[in-house]
Amino acid sequence: MFLRTDEGLELAGGTSALRFGRAPVLAAPAAAWRGRIDSFDWTPDLGADIGSRDWWRGLASCTALCGAVWMLSPGFDRPIYSAVPAALDGSALDEARSLSFGASALGGTSGMRLAATSRVRPLANTPERPIVEATATLGSGVAGALQRTGVGASEAQHVAKMIASRVDPAELMPGTRLDITLGRRETPSLPRPLERLAFRAKFDLALEVVREGGTLRLDARPIAIDHTPLRIQGRVGASLYRAARAAGAPAKAVESYIRTVSGLVPMGQVGQEDRFDLIVEQARAATGEVQLGQLLYAGLEGRRDVRLVRWQDGSRTEWLDSKGVGERKGSMIWPVAARISSNFGWRVHPVLGFKRLHKGMDFAAAYGSPIRATTDGRVAIAGRHGGYGNFVKLDHGGGLATGYGHMSRIVVAPGTRVARGQVIGYVGSTGLSTGPHLHYELWKNGVAVNPRSVAFATVQRLQGEELGRFRALVNRLMGVTAR
């Protein structure tokens, strides 16, 4: 079977190259004209090849076309008339404007709008909204915030007293957001009545004042708080601070952790493979808010293990190990910020007039300057004491004790504990004294020594019931799961 193609006859199936007949040959004139027409440029660019043959041909073609248009035109003195719609006015113009679009810069009023009808009456006054919802920020007080929103002074004071009966106004944080709803007023000259006031009074308490039957009522909604501490553990790596922050520890807690641990292990000795362990106070509200507090536990596992627990008993705060023992090393601070007028050693007494051992140091401080405890201790003596005048003696344990003489006033009582830097009295000139100053002494095992030469370690050890409460705290903290 054969198929007829443009080139002749071909065996069907396309597997044979055998063809019958002769190849068609186009007429030479037709092929030449077809190629010439296809390659002919009817619209040459008059901006290129100026002066060439193609350019002159294009100019002639353009001139011929312009002439043909002019010859076919009706003439420049014979205008062409078209139908013009009639001008709109009245309601038809308003309806057309409501459907049209125009430039706002040219006064256009785009969009839909209703045209005025005969039923439209101009308003003498703008009608008031029946209910106004607003927010205010708590500043100096609740009453002031309500008055700024538009509540009357008497009603604002009444609401403030209602809130004060439930929460101390001093506990309200400035910047607290108040959600206020104002009702309808009888005349524009009167203040709007308060319909509702809602705000977060404390982290665990939300307050709402609502009007029911013309009377304001205070509703207090306690918010459930979960006080489970936050425990964060991780590898120290190249930087302890950056590793703890990346694990989610707050900046203040990390800084407190580094200060606490560095007292036992210098930061230069902490290895990259060591692991840190922090426990921080955490309060998580049922509404989703979270507050982080102080560092409770500081642990370090590595070349040297550290386990320190924050223990607070009243005004005293200590970092103790898991057995309830703490140690602080260092030198005593000076008891008063003043110039040293007399050092420890032999001298002529300014009052008695003969040479004797000066068993302490004198500080030429101004009258009434605060005197501070040089380190933690217990008040052994507080009162008049011979030539010392008003005198305070502190027992620091380990055979160390300090004395402070010639005070004008004493502010501690015998038997109480004082912390390093706590004010215990004020500079005076009582006893054998020629002017206001502080006489400071230091005893070691009952013998007066030069205060400049002492470097010591104070040891805090819990006992009895206090030790039991401390162990319960340690067990509770160690039971917290790290996140």
Protein backbone atom coordinates (compact mmCIF):
# COMPACT_ATOMS: atom_id res chain seq x y z
CA MET A 1 0.00 0.00 0.00
CA PHE A 2 1.28 3.44 -0.87
CA LEU A 3 0.49 6.90 0.44
CA ARG A 4 0.48 9.96 -1.70
CA THR A 5 2.63 12.78 -0.26
CA ASP A 6 3.94 16.12 -1.55
CA GLU A 7 7.11 14.34 -2.58
CA GLY A 8 5.44 11.42 -4.45
CA LEU A 9 4.35 7.93 -3.43
CA GLU A 10 5.64 6.36 -0.20
CA LEU A 11 5.25 2.83 1.21
CA ALA A 12 2.64 2.84 4.03
CA GLY A 13 3.99 2.32 7.55
CA GLY A 14 6.92 4.68 7.10
CA THR A 15 9.52 1.87 7.41
CA SER A 16 10.78 2.13 3.88
CA ALA A 17 12.56 4.97 2.24
CA LEU A 18 11.36 3.86 -1.21
CA ARG A 19 9.43 6.62 -2.99
CA PHE A 20 7.79 6.64 -6.37
CA GLY A 21 7.32 9.63 -8.61
CA ARG A 22 9.33 12.79 -8.88
CA ALA A 23 9.74 15.52 -6.33
CA PRO A 24 7.50 18.56 -6.95
CA VAL A 25 9.24 21.65 -8.16
CA LEU A 26 7.68 25.12 -7.50
CA ALA A 27 7.61 27.56 -10.30
CA ALA A 28 10.63 29.83 -10.05
CA PRO A 29 8.75 33.15 -10.46
CA ALA A 30 6.16 32.27 -7.80
CA ALA A 31 8.81 31.21 -5.27
CA ALA A 32 10.84 34.36 -5.88
CA TRP A 33 7.85 36.70 -5.40
CA ARG A 34 6.75 34.87 -2.25
CA GLY A 35 10.18 35.25 -0.68
CA ARG A 36 10.41 38.89 -1.68
CA ILE A 37 7.03 39.75 -0.19
CA ASP A 38 7.81 37.96 3.09
CA SER A 39 11.07 39.84 3.52
CA PHE A 40 9.68 43.22 2.49
CA ASP A 41 9.52 45.87 5.31
CA TRP A 42 6.33 47.80 4.84
CA THR A 43 6.93 50.21 7.74
CA PRO A 44 10.63 51.10 7.93
CA ASP A 45 11.86 53.13 10.89
CA LEU A 46 12.30 56.73 9.74
CA GLY A 47 14.63 57.38 12.69
CA ALA A 48 17.25 54.88 11.51
CA ASP A 49 19.45 54.79 8.39
CA ILE A 50 18.46 58.30 7.36
CA GLY A 51 19.14 58.91 3.68
CA SER A 52 19.25 55.27 2.75
CA ARG A 53 17.09 53.67 0.03
CA ASP A 54 14.73 52.08 2.58
CA TRP A 55 14.41 55.40 4.39
CA TRP A 56 13.34 57.27 1.24
CA ARG A 57 10.89 54.50 0.42
CA GLY A 58 9.37 54.71 3.92
CA LEU A 59 9.07 58.51 3.65
CA ALA A 60 7.27 58.16 0.36
CA SER A 61 4.87 55.60 1.82
CA CYS A 62 4.10 57.83 4.81
CA THR A 63 3.50 60.84 2.54
CA ALA A 64 1.18 58.83 0.33
CA LEU A 65 -0.86 57.62 3.30
CA CYS A 66 -1.21 61.14 4.73
CA GLY A 67 -2.31 62.39 1.31
CA ALA A 68 -4.93 59.66 1.02
CA VAL A 69 -6.37 60.55 4.41
CA TRP A 70 -6.57 64.24 3.43
CA MET A 71 -8.27 63.47 0.12
CA LEU A 72 -10.85 61.22 1.80
CA SER A 73 -11.70 63.72 4.58
CA PRO A 74 -14.91 65.82 4.30
CA GLY A 75 -12.88 69.02 4.70
CA PHE A 76 -11.67 71.13 7.62
CA ASP A 77 -14.56 73.60 7.33
CA ARG A 78 -17.31 70.97 7.61
CA PRO A 79 -17.78 69.84 11.26
CA ILE A 80 -19.11 66.39 12.08
CA TYR A 81 -22.25 66.52 14.24
CA SER A 82 -23.14 63.94 16.88
CA ALA A 83 -25.96 63.48 19.35
CA VAL A 84 -25.38 65.19 22.76
CA PRO A 85 -27.41 64.01 25.81
CA ALA A 86 -29.47 66.57 27.60
CA ALA A 87 -28.06 68.10 30.83
CA LEU A 88 -29.22 66.44 34.07
CA ASP A 89 -30.79 68.35 36.92
CA GLY A 90 -32.75 67.69 40.07
CA SER A 91 -33.14 64.13 41.32
CA ALA A 92 -31.70 62.71 38.08
CA LEU A 93 -28.46 64.61 38.72
CA ASP A 94 -28.31 63.37 42.34
CA GLU A 95 -28.88 59.80 41.23
CA ALA A 96 -26.18 60.08 38.59
CA ARG A 97 -23.74 61.50 41.12
CA SER A 98 -24.39 58.62 43.50
CA LEU A 99 -23.34 56.17 40.78
CA SER A 100 -20.38 58.14 39.44
CA PHE A 101 -16.73 58.23 40.44
CA GLY A 102 -14.67 61.39 40.54
CA ALA A 103 -11.35 62.62 41.83
CA SER A 104 -11.58 63.66 45.48
CA ALA A 105 -9.05 66.44 44.85
CA LEU A 106 -11.51 68.02 42.40
CA GLY A 107 -14.45 67.79 44.82
CA GLY A 108 -15.77 64.44 43.63
CA THR A 109 -18.19 62.59 45.94
CA SER A 110 -17.70 58.99 44.93
CA GLY A 111 -19.85 56.21 46.32
CA MET A 112 -23.51 55.65 47.01
CA ARG A 113 -25.56 58.27 48.82
CA LEU A 114 -29.25 58.93 49.19
CA ALA A 115 -30.73 62.07 47.83
CA ALA A 116 -32.80 64.25 50.13
CA THR A 117 -36.58 63.86 49.94
CA SER A 118 -39.48 65.90 51.19
CA ARG A 119 -39.49 63.90 54.44
CA VAL A 120 -36.01 65.09 55.43
CA ARG A 121 -35.93 67.64 58.29
CA PRO A 122 -32.69 69.37 59.41
CA LEU A 123 -31.56 68.54 62.98
CA ALA A 124 -31.11 71.33 65.47
CA ASN A 125 -28.58 69.29 67.55
CA THR A 126 -26.56 66.19 66.84
CA PRO A 127 -28.14 63.21 68.64
CA GLU A 128 -26.02 61.67 71.42
CA ARG A 129 -24.95 58.06 71.50
CA PRO A 130 -26.95 56.12 74.09
CA ILE A 131 -23.85 54.23 75.31
CA VAL A 132 -20.20 55.29 75.20
CA GLU A 133 -17.44 52.70 75.61
CA ALA A 134 -14.02 54.07 76.51
CA THR A 135 -10.69 53.04 78.01
CA ALA A 136 -8.56 54.99 80.46
CA THR A 137 -5.15 54.55 82.05
CA LEU A 138 -4.88 54.62 85.82
CA GLY A 139 -2.70 57.48 87.02
CA SER A 140 -3.01 59.17 90.39
CA GLY A 141 -6.29 57.43 91.27
CA VAL A 142 -9.49 55.79 90.05
CA ALA A 143 -11.61 58.90 90.67
CA GLY A 144 -9.40 61.09 88.50
CA ALA A 145 -9.43 58.57 85.64
CA LEU A 146 -13.24 58.35 85.73
CA GLN A 147 -13.66 62.13 85.76
CA ARG A 148 -11.37 62.48 82.74
CA THR A 149 -13.63 60.04 80.89
CA GLY A 150 -16.79 62.04 81.67
CA VAL A 151 -18.14 60.63 84.96
CA GLY A 152 -19.40 63.12 87.52
CA ALA A 153 -17.15 63.99 90.47
CA SER A 154 -19.52 62.67 93.16
CA GLU A 155 -20.09 59.34 91.40
CA ALA A 156 -16.36 58.97 90.66
CA GLN A 157 -15.54 59.46 94.35
CA HIS A 158 -18.22 56.94 95.31
CA VAL A 159 -16.75 54.32 92.96
CA ALA A 160 -13.24 55.00 94.28
CA LYS A 161 -14.43 54.37 97.86
CA MET A 162 -16.07 51.11 96.79
CA ILE A 163 -12.82 49.92 95.25
CA ALA A 164 -10.77 51.09 98.27
CA SER A 165 -12.94 48.90 100.51
CA ARG A 166 -11.69 45.87 98.60
CA VAL A 167 -8.14 46.84 97.53
CA ASP A 168 -5.65 49.27 99.03
CA PRO A 169 -5.32 52.14 96.50
CA ALA A 170 -1.53 52.06 97.03
CA GLU A 171 -1.47 48.53 95.54
CA LEU A 172 -3.04 49.68 92.25
CA MET A 173 -0.28 49.92 89.66
CA PRO A 174 -0.10 53.14 87.59
CA GLY A 175 -0.78 52.37 83.95
CA THR A 176 -3.50 49.82 84.69
CA ARG A 177 -6.11 49.79 81.90
CA LEU A 178 -9.70 50.65 82.86
CA ASP A 179 -12.58 49.50 80.61
CA ILE A 180 -15.40 52.01 81.10
CA THR A 181 -18.98 52.01 79.81
CA LEU A 182 -21.03 55.22 80.18
CA GLY A 183 -24.83 55.33 79.90
CA ARG A 184 -27.39 57.81 78.59
CA ARG A 185 -27.73 61.22 80.25
CA GLU A 186 -30.90 63.27 80.53
CA THR A 187 -29.46 66.51 79.13
CA PRO A 188 -26.17 67.34 77.43
CA SER A 189 -25.21 69.59 80.35
CA LEU A 190 -25.11 66.67 82.83
CA PRO A 191 -22.24 64.13 83.17
CA ARG A 192 -22.86 60.62 81.91
CA PRO A 193 -23.65 57.93 84.49
CA LEU A 194 -21.24 55.02 84.90
CA GLU A 195 -22.73 51.72 83.72
CA ARG A 196 -19.69 49.46 84.01
CA LEU A 197 -16.05 49.62 85.12
CA ALA A 198 -13.72 46.61 84.80
CA PHE A 199 -9.98 46.34 85.43
CA ARG A 200 -7.25 44.05 86.79
CA ALA A 201 -6.68 45.29 90.33
CA LYS A 202 -3.95 42.76 91.19
CA PHE A 203 -2.33 39.81 89.52
CA ASP A 204 -4.79 37.49 91.26
CA LEU A 205 -7.84 39.76 91.39
CA ALA A 206 -10.15 41.40 88.83
CA LEU A 207 -12.73 44.02 89.89
CA GLU A 208 -15.91 45.06 88.11
CA VAL A 209 -18.38 47.81 89.04
CA VAL A 210 -21.79 47.39 87.38
CA ARG A 211 -25.08 49.28 87.65
CA GLU A 212 -28.14 47.22 88.48
CA GLY A 213 -31.50 48.84 89.08
CA GLY A 214 -29.90 52.27 89.34
CA THR A 215 -27.39 51.16 92.01
CA LEU A 216 -23.69 50.49 91.55
CA ARG A 217 -22.40 47.12 92.77
CA LEU A 218 -18.81 45.89 93.15
CA ASP A 219 -17.95 42.37 91.95
CA ALA A 220 -14.57 40.83 92.85
CA ARG A 221 -13.40 37.87 90.76
CA PRO A 222 -10.36 36.07 92.21
CA ILE A 223 -8.01 34.64 89.58
CA ALA A 224 -6.46 31.25 90.24
CA ILE A 225 -2.65 31.40 90.44
CA ASP A 226 -0.23 28.48 90.10
CA HIS A 227 2.94 29.15 92.12
CA THR A 228 4.97 26.20 90.85
CA PRO A 229 8.57 27.46 90.44
CA LEU A 230 10.32 27.46 87.08
CA ARG A 231 13.34 25.19 86.80
CA ILE A 232 15.84 25.63 83.95
CA GLN A 233 18.80 23.37 83.28
CA GLY A 234 21.38 23.30 80.51
CA ARG A 235 24.98 23.10 79.38
CA VAL A 236 27.24 26.08 80.06
CA GLY A 237 28.92 26.08 76.65
CA ALA A 238 30.91 29.12 75.55
CA SER A 239 29.01 31.56 77.79
CA LEU A 240 27.06 30.76 80.94
CA TYR A 241 24.99 33.94 80.67
CA ARG A 242 24.01 33.43 77.02
CA ALA A 243 23.26 29.73 77.56
CA ALA A 244 20.96 30.44 80.52
CA ARG A 245 19.19 33.26 78.68
CA ALA A 246 18.71 31.07 75.61
CA ALA A 247 17.18 28.38 77.84
CA GLY A 248 14.52 30.89 78.99
CA ALA A 249 15.90 32.22 82.28
CA PRO A 250 15.14 35.92 82.97
CA ALA A 251 18.09 38.31 82.91
CA LYS A 252 17.88 39.31 86.59
CA ALA A 253 17.76 35.68 87.69
CA VAL A 254 20.84 34.84 85.61
CA GLU A 255 22.74 37.80 87.07
CA SER A 256 21.80 36.73 90.60
CA TYR A 257 22.83 33.16 89.77
CA ILE A 258 26.28 34.25 88.57
CA ARG A 259 26.86 36.44 91.66
CA THR A 260 25.82 33.59 93.97
CA VAL A 261 27.84 30.83 92.33
CA SER A 262 30.94 33.00 91.79
CA GLY A 263 31.30 33.30 95.58
CA LEU A 264 32.26 29.61 95.63
CA VAL A 265 33.51 28.92 92.10
CA PRO A 266 35.24 31.66 90.07
CA MET A 267 33.65 32.05 86.65
CA GLY A 268 37.02 31.38 85.01
CA GLN A 269 36.98 27.85 86.45
CA VAL A 270 33.55 26.95 85.03
CA GLY A 271 33.99 24.50 82.13
CA GLN A 272 31.98 24.37 78.93
CA GLU A 273 30.73 20.86 79.76
CA ASP A 274 29.48 21.92 83.20
CA ARG A 275 25.71 22.09 83.66
CA PHE A 276 23.75 24.89 85.32
CA ASP A 277 20.54 24.46 87.32
CA LEU A 278 18.29 27.40 88.20
CA ILE A 279 14.96 27.55 90.00
CA VAL A 280 13.06 30.84 89.82
CA GLU A 281 9.85 32.02 91.47
CA GLN A 282 6.93 31.81 89.05
CA ALA A 283 3.29 32.82 89.26
CA ARG A 284 1.07 31.65 86.39
CA ALA A 285 -2.46 33.04 86.27
CA ALA A 286 -5.43 31.07 84.97
CA THR A 287 -5.85 33.79 82.33
CA GLY A 288 -2.40 33.02 80.89
CA GLU A 289 -0.22 35.78 82.34
CA VAL A 290 3.12 34.78 83.91
CA GLN A 291 5.25 36.63 86.46
CA LEU A 292 8.81 35.59 87.32
CA GLY A 293 10.39 36.52 90.63
CA GLN A 294 13.62 35.95 92.53
CA LEU A 295 16.15 33.16 92.17
CA LEU A 296 15.42 30.34 94.63
CA TYR A 297 18.08 27.76 93.82
CA ALA A 298 21.52 27.94 92.18
CA GLY A 299 23.17 24.69 91.16
CA LEU A 300 26.27 23.84 89.15
CA GLU A 301 27.50 20.36 88.21
CA GLY A 302 31.02 19.90 86.87
CA ARG A 303 34.52 20.27 88.22
CA ARG A 304 33.01 21.44 91.50
CA ASP A 305 29.39 20.86 92.44
CA VAL A 306 27.46 23.78 93.91
CA ARG A 307 23.98 23.57 95.44
CA LEU A 308 22.79 26.76 97.11
CA VAL A 309 19.26 27.51 98.33
CA ARG A 310 17.89 30.97 99.08
CA TRP A 311 16.68 31.10 102.69
CA GLN A 312 14.74 34.10 103.94
CA ASP A 313 13.67 34.45 107.56
CA GLY A 314 12.09 37.83 108.18
CA SER A 315 14.46 40.54 106.94
CA ARG A 316 17.43 38.16 106.82
CA THR A 317 18.31 36.49 103.51
CA GLU A 318 21.06 33.86 103.23
CA TRP A 319 22.34 31.43 100.59
CA LEU A 320 22.82 28.05 102.28
CA ASP A 321 23.81 24.63 101.05
CA SER A 322 21.40 21.70 101.13
CA LYS A 323 22.40 20.97 104.78
CA GLY A 324 21.52 24.46 106.00
CA VAL A 325 25.09 25.76 106.27
CA GLY A 326 26.30 28.95 104.66
CA GLU A 327 29.63 30.73 104.57
CA ARG A 328 30.57 34.27 103.61
CA LYS A 329 34.19 35.32 103.21
CA GLY A 330 35.63 38.81 103.00
CA SER A 331 36.58 41.88 105.00
CA MET A 332 34.34 44.06 107.10
CA ILE A 333 32.94 47.25 105.68
CA TRP A 334 33.63 50.57 107.42
CA PRO A 335 30.82 51.49 109.81
CA VAL A 336 30.51 55.10 108.63
CA ALA A 337 31.49 57.08 105.54
CA ALA A 338 33.95 59.54 107.08
CA ARG A 339 37.64 60.38 107.52
CA ILE A 340 39.69 58.33 110.01
CA SER A 341 40.93 60.78 112.66
CA SER A 342 42.72 58.27 114.92
CA ASN A 343 44.03 54.76 114.24
CA PHE A 344 44.56 51.75 116.49
CA GLY A 345 47.65 52.09 118.77
CA TRP A 346 49.26 54.10 121.57
CA ARG A 347 48.35 57.79 121.89
CA VAL A 348 47.69 60.59 124.38
CA HIS A 349 44.03 60.51 125.36
CA PRO A 350 42.40 63.83 124.36
CA VAL A 351 40.27 63.96 127.55
CA LEU A 352 42.32 62.13 130.20
CA GLY A 353 45.60 63.72 129.05
CA PHE A 354 47.93 60.70 129.45
CA LYS A 355 49.27 58.10 127.05
CA ARG A 356 47.26 54.90 126.72
CA LEU A 357 46.42 52.25 124.14
CA HIS A 358 43.71 53.33 121.71
CA LYS A 359 41.88 50.05 121.23
CA GLY A 360 39.94 51.08 118.15
CA MET A 361 39.59 53.60 115.34
CA ASP A 362 37.94 57.03 115.41
CA PHE A 363 35.93 58.35 112.45
CA ALA A 364 35.46 62.14 112.24
CA ALA A 365 31.85 62.00 111.01
CA ALA A 366 29.26 64.75 111.15
CA TYR A 367 26.70 64.71 113.95
CA GLY A 368 23.76 62.45 113.04
CA SER A 369 25.58 60.46 110.34
CA PRO A 370 24.20 56.87 110.09
CA ILE A 371 26.31 54.07 111.61
CA ARG A 372 26.08 50.66 109.94
CA ALA A 373 26.90 47.14 111.06
CA THR A 374 30.19 46.04 109.51
CA THR A 375 28.88 42.48 109.04
CA ASP A 376 26.00 40.21 110.10
CA GLY A 377 25.61 39.67 113.80
CA ARG A 378 23.48 39.73 116.94
CA VAL A 379 23.10 42.75 119.23
CA ALA A 380 24.78 41.88 122.55
CA ILE A 381 24.72 45.37 124.18
CA ALA A 382 22.67 48.46 123.27
CA GLY A 383 22.65 51.35 125.78
CA ARG A 384 24.87 53.50 128.03
CA HIS A 385 28.29 51.91 128.67
CA GLY A 386 30.68 54.02 130.76
CA GLY A 387 33.08 56.24 128.81
CA TYR A 388 31.72 54.86 125.51
CA GLY A 389 28.49 56.77 126.08
CA ASN A 390 25.67 55.32 123.96
CA PHE A 391 27.23 52.05 122.89
CA VAL A 392 26.30 49.03 120.72
CA LYS A 393 28.18 45.72 120.71
CA LEU A 394 27.56 43.11 118.02
CA ASP A 395 28.46 39.44 118.33
CA HIS A 396 29.40 37.93 114.93
CA GLY A 397 30.21 34.40 116.03
CA GLY A 398 33.55 32.59 115.83
CA GLY A 399 34.97 34.76 118.64
CA LEU A 400 34.52 38.04 116.71
CA ALA A 401 32.68 41.09 118.06
CA THR A 402 32.53 44.79 117.17
CA GLY A 403 31.72 47.89 119.26
CA TYR A 404 30.36 51.32 118.31
CA GLY A 405 30.67 54.17 120.83
CA HIS A 406 29.67 57.81 121.46
CA MET A 407 26.37 57.44 119.54
CA SER A 408 23.75 60.16 119.67
CA ARG A 409 20.94 57.65 119.19
CA ILE A 410 20.60 53.84 119.11
CA VAL A 411 18.03 52.19 116.80
CA VAL A 412 18.53 48.48 117.63
CA ALA A 413 17.58 46.43 120.68
CA PRO A 414 19.56 43.74 122.52
CA GLY A 415 19.01 40.23 121.18
CA THR A 416 17.97 41.23 117.65
CA ARG A 417 19.85 40.18 114.53
CA VAL A 418 21.29 42.77 112.13
CA ALA A 419 22.55 42.39 108.58
CA ARG A 420 25.70 43.73 106.99
CA GLY A 421 25.20 47.43 106.21
CA GLN A 422 22.09 47.82 108.41
CA VAL A 423 21.82 51.12 110.33
CA ILE A 424 22.26 50.55 114.09
CA GLY A 425 22.57 54.16 115.30
CA TYR A 426 23.78 57.69 114.58
CA VAL A 427 26.99 59.59 115.26
CA GLY A 428 27.11 61.69 118.44
CA SER A 429 29.43 62.86 121.22
CA THR A 430 28.23 61.02 124.34
CA GLY A 431 30.63 59.67 127.01
CA LEU A 432 34.32 60.74 127.11
CA SER A 433 34.33 62.68 123.84
CA THR A 434 35.50 66.12 122.71
CA GLY A 435 33.29 66.26 119.63
CA PRO A 436 31.01 64.23 117.36
CA HIS A 437 32.75 61.11 116.08
CA LEU A 438 32.44 57.32 116.08
CA HIS A 439 34.73 55.09 118.13
CA TYR A 440 34.89 51.65 116.48
CA GLU A 441 36.46 48.57 118.09
CA LEU A 442 36.97 44.96 117.03
CA TRP A 443 37.53 42.06 119.48
CA LYS A 444 38.84 38.61 118.65
CA ASN A 445 38.28 36.09 121.44
CA GLY A 446 37.79 39.02 123.83
CA VAL A 447 41.03 40.84 122.88
CA ALA A 448 40.94 44.18 121.01
CA VAL A 449 42.73 43.96 117.63
CA ASN A 450 43.40 46.36 114.77
CA PRO A 451 40.27 46.40 112.57
CA ARG A 452 42.43 46.89 109.46
CA SER A 453 44.08 43.49 109.88
CA VAL A 454 40.99 41.28 109.98
CA ALA A 455 39.78 39.09 107.13
CA PHE A 456 37.30 36.48 108.25
CA ALA A 457 34.58 34.05 107.32
CA THR A 458 31.15 34.13 108.90
CA VAL A 459 29.30 30.82 109.11
CA GLN A 460 25.53 30.57 109.25
CA ARG A 461 24.14 27.23 110.44
CA LEU A 462 20.44 26.52 110.85
CA GLN A 463 19.21 24.50 113.80
CA GLY A 464 16.02 23.15 115.33
CA GLU A 465 12.68 24.14 113.87
CA GLU A 466 14.28 26.52 111.38
CA LEU A 467 16.40 23.66 109.98
CA GLY A 468 13.26 21.53 109.58
CA ARG A 469 11.51 24.24 107.58
CA PHE A 470 14.63 24.67 105.45
CA ARG A 471 14.81 20.95 104.63
CA ALA A 472 11.14 20.98 103.64
CA LEU A 473 11.91 23.86 101.26
CA VAL A 474 14.84 21.97 99.74
CA ASN A 475 12.70 18.85 99.17
CA ARG A 476 9.99 20.92 97.52
CA LEU A 477 12.46 22.65 95.19
CA MET A 478 14.24 19.45 94.22
CA GLY A 479 10.85 17.98 93.24
CA VAL A 480 10.32 20.65 90.55
CA THR A 481 10.62 19.26 87.03
CA ALA A 482 12.87 21.13 84.61
CA ARG A 483 11.18 22.38 81.48
